[in-house]
Protein backbone atom coordinates (compact mmCIF):
# COMPACT_ATOMS: atom_id res chain seq x y z
CA MET A 1 103.05 -57.21 -26.60
CA VAL A 2 101.04 -55.83 -29.48
CA VAL A 3 97.35 -55.99 -28.66
CA SER A 4 94.56 -55.46 -31.13
CA ARG A 5 91.63 -53.47 -29.81
CA GLN A 6 90.01 -55.98 -27.42
CA PRO A 7 88.46 -54.05 -24.52
CA ALA A 8 86.50 -56.99 -23.07
CA ARG A 9 89.58 -59.08 -22.39
CA LEU A 10 91.50 -56.31 -20.69
CA VAL A 11 88.56 -55.04 -18.67
CA ALA A 12 88.04 -58.51 -17.24
CA GLU A 13 91.53 -58.37 -15.77
CA SER A 14 91.15 -54.89 -14.26
CA PRO A 15 89.93 -53.98 -10.75
CA SER A 16 86.21 -53.83 -10.09
CA PRO A 17 84.58 -50.39 -10.22
CA ALA A 18 84.91 -48.08 -7.24
CA GLY A 19 82.09 -47.94 -4.78
CA GLY A 20 81.52 -51.59 -3.92
CA HIS A 21 84.82 -52.27 -2.19
CA GLY A 22 85.55 -48.97 -0.48
CA ARG A 23 88.75 -48.30 -2.40
CA ALA A 24 89.83 -45.03 -4.00
CA PRO A 25 89.04 -44.84 -7.71
CA VAL A 26 91.80 -45.58 -10.19
CA ILE A 27 92.56 -42.38 -12.10
CA GLY A 28 93.45 -42.65 -15.76
CA LEU A 29 94.88 -39.92 -17.99
CA ALA A 30 94.30 -40.04 -21.76
CA LEU A 31 96.69 -37.74 -23.64
CA GLY A 32 95.58 -36.95 -27.17
CA SER A 33 97.41 -36.50 -30.46
CA GLY A 34 98.32 -33.13 -31.94
CA ALA A 35 102.00 -32.92 -32.97
CA ALA A 36 103.74 -29.84 -31.49
CA ARG A 37 100.54 -28.79 -29.75
CA GLY A 38 101.15 -31.76 -27.48
CA TRP A 39 103.64 -29.79 -25.40
CA SER A 40 100.51 -28.48 -23.69
CA HIS A 41 100.27 -31.94 -22.08
CA LEU A 42 103.28 -30.89 -20.01
CA GLY A 43 101.32 -27.96 -18.62
CA VAL A 44 98.29 -30.14 -17.97
CA LEU A 45 100.35 -32.67 -16.01
CA LYS A 46 102.04 -29.91 -14.02
CA ALA A 47 98.70 -28.34 -13.08
CA LEU A 48 97.15 -31.71 -12.20
CA ALA A 49 100.07 -32.46 -9.90
CA ALA A 50 99.52 -29.10 -8.20
CA GLU A 51 95.93 -30.21 -7.59
CA GLY A 52 97.15 -33.43 -6.03
CA VAL A 53 95.96 -35.53 -8.97
CA VAL A 54 98.31 -38.45 -9.57
CA PRO A 55 97.11 -40.85 -12.31
CA GLN A 56 97.68 -44.56 -11.83
CA VAL A 57 97.18 -45.18 -15.57
CA ILE A 58 98.52 -43.04 -18.43
CA CYS A 59 97.58 -43.70 -22.05
CA GLY A 60 98.79 -41.68 -24.99
CA CYS A 61 98.41 -41.27 -28.71
CA SER A 62 101.13 -39.75 -30.92
CA ILE A 63 102.65 -36.77 -29.06
CA GLY A 64 100.50 -37.85 -26.11
CA ALA A 65 102.42 -41.14 -26.13
CA PHE A 66 105.72 -39.24 -26.22
CA VAL A 67 104.83 -37.07 -23.20
CA GLY A 68 102.96 -39.87 -21.44
CA ALA A 69 105.97 -42.18 -21.60
CA ALA A 70 108.15 -39.52 -19.99
CA ALA A 71 105.54 -38.96 -17.28
CA ALA A 72 105.21 -42.68 -16.59
CA SER A 73 108.99 -43.00 -16.27
CA GLY A 74 109.45 -40.05 -13.93
CA ASP A 75 111.21 -37.92 -16.56
CA LEU A 76 108.51 -35.29 -16.97
CA ALA A 77 110.40 -32.35 -15.43
CA LYS A 78 113.43 -33.16 -17.55
CA LEU A 79 111.32 -33.31 -20.71
CA ALA A 80 109.62 -30.00 -19.90
CA GLN A 81 112.97 -28.30 -19.35
CA TRP A 82 114.29 -29.64 -22.65
CA ALA A 83 111.14 -28.70 -24.58
CA GLU A 84 111.20 -25.12 -23.31
CA SER A 85 114.85 -24.78 -24.33
CA LEU A 86 114.22 -25.80 -27.95
CA LYS A 87 114.87 -23.36 -30.78
CA TRP A 88 113.73 -24.10 -34.30
CA GLN A 89 117.34 -24.91 -35.23
CA ASP A 90 117.36 -27.61 -32.53
CA VAL A 91 114.16 -29.12 -33.91
CA VAL A 92 115.58 -29.27 -37.43
CA SER A 93 118.76 -30.94 -36.16
CA LEU A 94 116.69 -33.85 -34.82
CA LEU A 95 115.07 -34.54 -38.19
CA ASP A 96 116.50 -37.04 -40.67
CA VAL A 97 115.25 -36.90 -44.24
CA SER A 98 113.58 -39.84 -45.92
CA LEU A 99 111.76 -39.99 -49.22
CA ARG A 100 110.28 -43.45 -48.66
CA GLY A 101 107.13 -43.70 -46.58
CA GLY A 102 107.48 -40.24 -45.05
CA LEU A 103 109.49 -37.04 -45.03
CA ILE A 104 111.27 -37.90 -41.78
CA LYS A 105 112.74 -41.23 -40.65
CA GLY A 106 112.39 -40.41 -36.97
CA ASP A 107 115.52 -42.36 -35.96
CA ARG A 108 117.34 -39.29 -34.66
CA LEU A 109 114.37 -38.14 -32.59
CA ILE A 110 113.77 -41.53 -31.00
CA GLY A 111 117.50 -42.04 -30.48
CA PHE A 112 117.61 -38.78 -28.55
CA PHE A 113 114.49 -39.83 -26.63
CA GLU A 114 116.05 -43.15 -25.65
CA ARG A 115 119.32 -41.60 -24.53
CA ASN A 116 117.79 -38.81 -22.48
CA PHE A 117 114.35 -39.89 -21.34
CA VAL A 118 112.92 -43.38 -21.86
CA ASP A 119 114.94 -46.44 -22.80
CA ARG A 120 113.34 -49.25 -20.84
CA ASP A 121 110.68 -51.93 -20.78
CA PHE A 122 107.04 -51.18 -19.98
CA THR A 123 107.37 -53.26 -16.80
CA GLU A 124 110.08 -50.92 -15.51
CA LEU A 125 107.95 -47.76 -15.63
CA ASP A 126 106.83 -46.02 -12.43
CA THR A 127 103.23 -45.76 -13.71
CA ARG A 128 101.18 -48.10 -15.87
CA PHE A 129 101.39 -46.86 -19.44
CA ALA A 130 100.15 -47.84 -22.90
CA CYS A 131 99.90 -46.12 -26.26
CA VAL A 132 97.92 -46.42 -29.47
CA ALA A 133 99.09 -47.06 -33.03
CA THR A 134 97.35 -47.97 -36.28
CA GLU A 135 98.13 -51.02 -38.39
CA LEU A 136 98.62 -49.55 -41.86
CA THR A 137 97.71 -52.70 -43.79
CA THR A 138 94.36 -53.31 -42.04
CA GLY A 139 93.41 -50.03 -40.36
CA ARG A 140 93.09 -51.81 -37.02
CA GLU A 141 93.70 -50.02 -33.74
CA ILE A 142 96.72 -51.50 -31.94
CA TRP A 143 97.39 -51.14 -28.22
CA LEU A 144 101.08 -51.21 -27.27
CA GLN A 145 101.85 -52.00 -23.63
CA GLU A 146 104.73 -54.48 -23.47
CA GLY A 147 108.34 -54.56 -24.60
CA SER A 148 110.34 -51.48 -25.54
CA VAL A 149 108.66 -48.20 -24.58
CA SER A 150 110.65 -46.17 -27.11
CA ALA A 151 109.72 -48.57 -29.94
CA ALA A 152 106.05 -48.26 -29.03
CA VAL A 153 106.24 -44.47 -28.88
CA ARG A 154 107.99 -44.38 -32.25
CA ALA A 155 105.10 -46.31 -33.78
CA SER A 156 102.46 -44.11 -32.16
CA ILE A 157 104.00 -40.85 -33.48
CA ALA A 158 104.46 -41.99 -37.10
CA LEU A 159 102.19 -39.36 -38.65
CA PRO A 160 101.46 -40.50 -42.23
CA GLY A 161 103.35 -38.51 -44.83
CA LEU A 162 105.55 -36.82 -42.25
CA MET A 163 107.23 -39.72 -40.45
CA THR A 164 107.96 -43.15 -41.88
CA PRO A 165 105.89 -46.15 -40.73
CA VAL A 166 107.42 -48.64 -38.28
CA MET A 167 107.63 -52.42 -38.52
CA HIS A 168 106.81 -53.50 -34.97
CA HIS A 169 106.39 -57.19 -34.05
CA GLY A 170 105.56 -58.03 -37.65
CA ARG A 171 103.02 -55.22 -38.11
CA LEU A 172 103.47 -52.04 -40.13
CA LEU A 173 102.33 -49.30 -37.77
CA VAL A 174 101.57 -45.59 -38.11
CA ASP A 175 100.18 -42.83 -35.92
CA GLY A 176 97.40 -43.87 -33.54
CA GLY A 177 95.56 -40.62 -34.25
CA LEU A 178 94.07 -42.25 -37.35
CA VAL A 179 91.86 -44.46 -35.18
CA ASN A 180 91.80 -43.18 -31.58
CA PRO A 181 93.19 -39.65 -31.13
CA VAL A 182 92.18 -39.42 -27.44
CA PRO A 183 92.50 -42.95 -26.01
CA VAL A 184 89.83 -42.91 -23.30
CA SER A 185 88.82 -46.47 -24.20
CA LEU A 186 92.34 -47.73 -23.54
CA CYS A 187 92.38 -46.07 -20.11
CA ARG A 188 89.10 -47.78 -19.24
CA ALA A 189 90.40 -51.12 -20.48
CA MET A 190 93.44 -50.78 -18.22
CA GLY A 191 91.24 -50.40 -15.15
CA ALA A 192 90.70 -46.64 -14.82
CA ASP A 193 87.50 -45.75 -12.96
CA VAL A 194 87.84 -42.03 -13.60
CA VAL A 195 89.35 -40.82 -16.87
CA ILE A 196 90.73 -37.33 -17.40
CA ALA A 197 91.24 -36.73 -21.12
CA VAL A 198 93.21 -34.03 -22.93
CA ASP A 199 91.89 -33.16 -26.39
CA LEU A 200 94.14 -30.91 -28.47
CA GLY A 201 91.72 -30.45 -31.36
CA SER A 202 89.03 -28.24 -29.84
CA ASP A 203 89.91 -25.19 -31.95
CA MET A 204 91.82 -26.74 -34.83
CA VAL A 205 89.45 -26.88 -37.80
CA GLY A 206 89.92 -23.83 -40.03
CA ARG A 207 92.89 -22.59 -38.03
CA ALA A 208 95.15 -22.15 -41.06
CA PHE A 209 92.59 -19.91 -42.76
CA ARG A 210 91.90 -17.55 -39.89
CA HIS A 211 93.40 -14.11 -40.26
CA THR A 212 93.91 -11.34 -37.77
CA ALA A 213 94.97 -7.75 -38.24
CA ILE A 214 96.30 -7.48 -34.68
CA GLU A 215 99.98 -8.12 -34.19
CA PRO A 216 100.62 -10.95 -36.63
CA THR A 217 103.05 -13.67 -35.63
CA PRO A 218 106.68 -12.90 -36.61
CA ALA A 219 107.76 -14.50 -39.89
CA GLU A 220 110.08 -16.97 -38.20
CA GLU A 221 107.19 -18.25 -36.07
CA THR A 222 104.64 -18.83 -38.83
CA GLU A 223 103.89 -22.25 -40.20
CA ALA A 224 104.83 -21.13 -43.72
CA GLY A 225 108.18 -19.79 -42.53
CA TRP A 226 108.89 -23.01 -40.64
CA THR A 227 108.00 -25.06 -43.70
CA ASP A 228 110.43 -23.09 -45.87
CA ARG A 229 113.23 -23.84 -43.41
CA LEU A 230 112.27 -27.51 -43.18
CA LEU A 231 112.23 -27.94 -46.97
CA ALA A 232 115.56 -26.12 -47.27
CA ARG A 233 117.04 -28.46 -44.64
CA PHE A 234 116.03 -31.43 -46.78
CA GLY A 235 117.60 -29.97 -49.93
CA PHE A 236 114.45 -28.58 -51.49
CA ALA A 237 114.01 -25.02 -52.64
CA GLY A 238 112.05 -22.58 -50.52
CA GLY A 239 108.33 -22.84 -50.08
CA ASP A 240 107.72 -20.32 -52.86
CA GLU A 241 108.22 -23.06 -55.45
CA LEU A 242 105.35 -25.00 -53.86
CA ALA A 243 102.99 -22.08 -53.65
CA VAL A 244 100.00 -21.81 -55.91
CA PRO A 245 100.18 -18.71 -58.18
CA ARG A 246 97.96 -15.84 -57.16
CA PRO A 247 94.89 -15.45 -59.39
CA ALA A 248 94.96 -12.76 -62.05
CA SER A 249 92.44 -10.63 -60.18
CA SER A 250 94.32 -8.48 -57.67
CA SER A 251 91.29 -8.52 -55.38
CA SER A 252 91.36 -12.30 -55.08
CA GLU A 253 93.33 -13.97 -52.35
CA ALA A 254 95.92 -16.62 -53.13
CA LEU A 255 95.03 -20.23 -52.63
CA PRO A 256 96.41 -21.71 -49.40
CA SER A 257 99.94 -23.08 -49.29
CA LEU A 258 100.70 -26.77 -49.58
CA VAL A 259 101.44 -27.08 -45.88
CA SER A 260 98.19 -25.33 -44.96
CA VAL A 261 96.20 -27.78 -47.06
CA ILE A 262 97.98 -30.81 -45.60
CA SER A 263 97.86 -29.66 -41.97
CA SER A 264 94.24 -28.55 -42.22
CA SER A 265 93.26 -31.89 -43.76
CA ILE A 266 94.98 -33.78 -40.94
CA ASN A 267 93.27 -31.53 -38.39
CA ILE A 268 89.81 -32.14 -39.88
CA MET A 269 90.36 -35.89 -39.96
CA GLN A 270 91.55 -36.16 -36.37
CA VAL A 271 88.95 -33.78 -34.96
CA ARG A 272 86.13 -35.74 -36.61
CA ILE A 273 87.50 -39.07 -35.45
CA ALA A 274 88.05 -37.78 -31.91
CA ARG A 275 84.53 -36.38 -31.66
CA SER A 276 83.05 -39.64 -32.86
CA ARG A 277 85.09 -41.77 -30.45
CA LEU A 278 84.52 -39.46 -27.48
CA ALA A 279 80.76 -39.40 -28.09
CA GLY A 280 80.65 -43.16 -27.52
CA GLU A 281 83.48 -43.31 -24.97
CA PRO A 282 83.28 -40.05 -23.00
CA ALA A 283 85.82 -39.00 -20.42
CA ASP A 284 84.77 -37.99 -16.91
CA VAL A 285 86.71 -34.74 -17.26
CA MET A 286 87.69 -33.28 -20.63
CA ILE A 287 90.52 -30.75 -20.70
CA SER A 288 90.82 -28.81 -23.96
CA PRO A 289 93.85 -26.53 -24.32
CA ARG A 290 93.32 -23.78 -26.89
CA VAL A 291 96.44 -24.31 -28.99
CA GLY A 292 95.08 -23.82 -32.50
CA GLN A 293 97.64 -21.07 -33.16
CA LEU A 294 100.46 -23.62 -33.13
CA GLY A 295 101.45 -25.44 -36.30
CA LEU A 296 102.24 -29.13 -36.67
CA MET A 297 105.99 -28.57 -36.36
CA ASP A 298 106.11 -25.67 -33.90
CA TYR A 299 108.00 -27.68 -31.29
CA HIS A 300 110.09 -24.61 -30.50
CA ARG A 301 107.05 -22.90 -28.94
CA ALA A 302 106.77 -25.15 -25.90
CA ALA A 303 106.49 -22.36 -23.32
CA GLU A 304 103.36 -21.07 -25.03
CA ALA A 305 101.79 -24.54 -25.18
CA ILE A 306 102.69 -25.42 -21.58
CA ALA A 307 101.14 -22.21 -20.26
CA GLU A 308 97.90 -22.95 -22.09
CA GLY A 309 97.89 -26.51 -20.75
CA GLU A 310 98.02 -25.15 -17.21
CA ALA A 311 95.29 -22.62 -17.98
CA ALA A 312 93.06 -25.34 -19.43
CA VAL A 313 93.24 -27.30 -16.17
CA MET A 314 92.36 -24.17 -14.19
CA ARG A 315 89.25 -23.68 -16.34
CA MET A 316 88.11 -27.20 -15.52
CA ARG A 317 89.16 -27.20 -11.87
CA PRO A 318 85.63 -27.07 -10.37
CA LEU A 319 84.52 -30.13 -12.37
CA LEU A 320 87.81 -31.90 -11.69
CA ARG A 321 87.42 -31.44 -7.95
CA TYR A 322 83.78 -32.47 -8.03
CA VAL A 323 84.47 -35.68 -9.96
CA LEU A 324 87.41 -36.63 -7.74
CA GLY A 325 85.65 -35.67 -4.52
CA HIS A 326 88.20 -33.04 -3.58
CA ASP A 327 87.21 -30.20 -1.29
CA PRO A 328 86.42 -26.95 -3.15
CA ASP A 329 88.29 -23.72 -2.38
């Protein structure tokens, strides 16, 4: 089923709030968008499990949908193992070039996902799950929670310009991060009494323009280096041909690269949207991994992201235990 954003209808079908009937609260987990930074969701889920927190509802947007679907199907450990084994060459091998609607078709990635992790109906999942996409022709927020899980995830991760849009049940869909980057509202609509949200954009704005003189990242790990490899894989020349010439004055810095402009623009957009949505629909616990050092396509740096996801949960552990009524240390 493809559901337009209709909270009232779904809330009416969900359990009544905790407190009046003596039942334990329904815990919902909202996993936000953020491309490769989303591997930190794996660390968050691992740390929550160590705390005894088992969500009954998982909602995801973009990479949050990708990880959330694996968690809801019981494939989380398998996904984490695969993610940590990725090298940049492996990431490139999963990409299929397209010059219509986006740089990448996404068929190879989703095909791999279906074969190794999730290839089932929503009703077959171990945990209730839904994800968010955006209808490209109207800008409407679309909730996906029935039918093929992999098809829904493919729609939710279709980042405009990078991955081609998806025709899903007669609607042309793109990344849900355009409308609801951290889907707290969807968790509430599915009956969650307590929502734990993971926001990947807390330190994103301006990331590409920060410089440090202390141990710079190796060339093969930088966003510019990755972009050169990606463009070469698709038959384009190296990134130097896309660079803006350095100004005549030797004291002036070069303008940012094409990829820095694009990624920074996407970051600004999603951070602003997320802040606006979360102000009106706040989570009970907000977990904010500090993953601003990772670029959009740094999927080969999963270990780094996972470790930060675990650390982010530890920083919020006192509030988490208070909200859930768990005994403190």
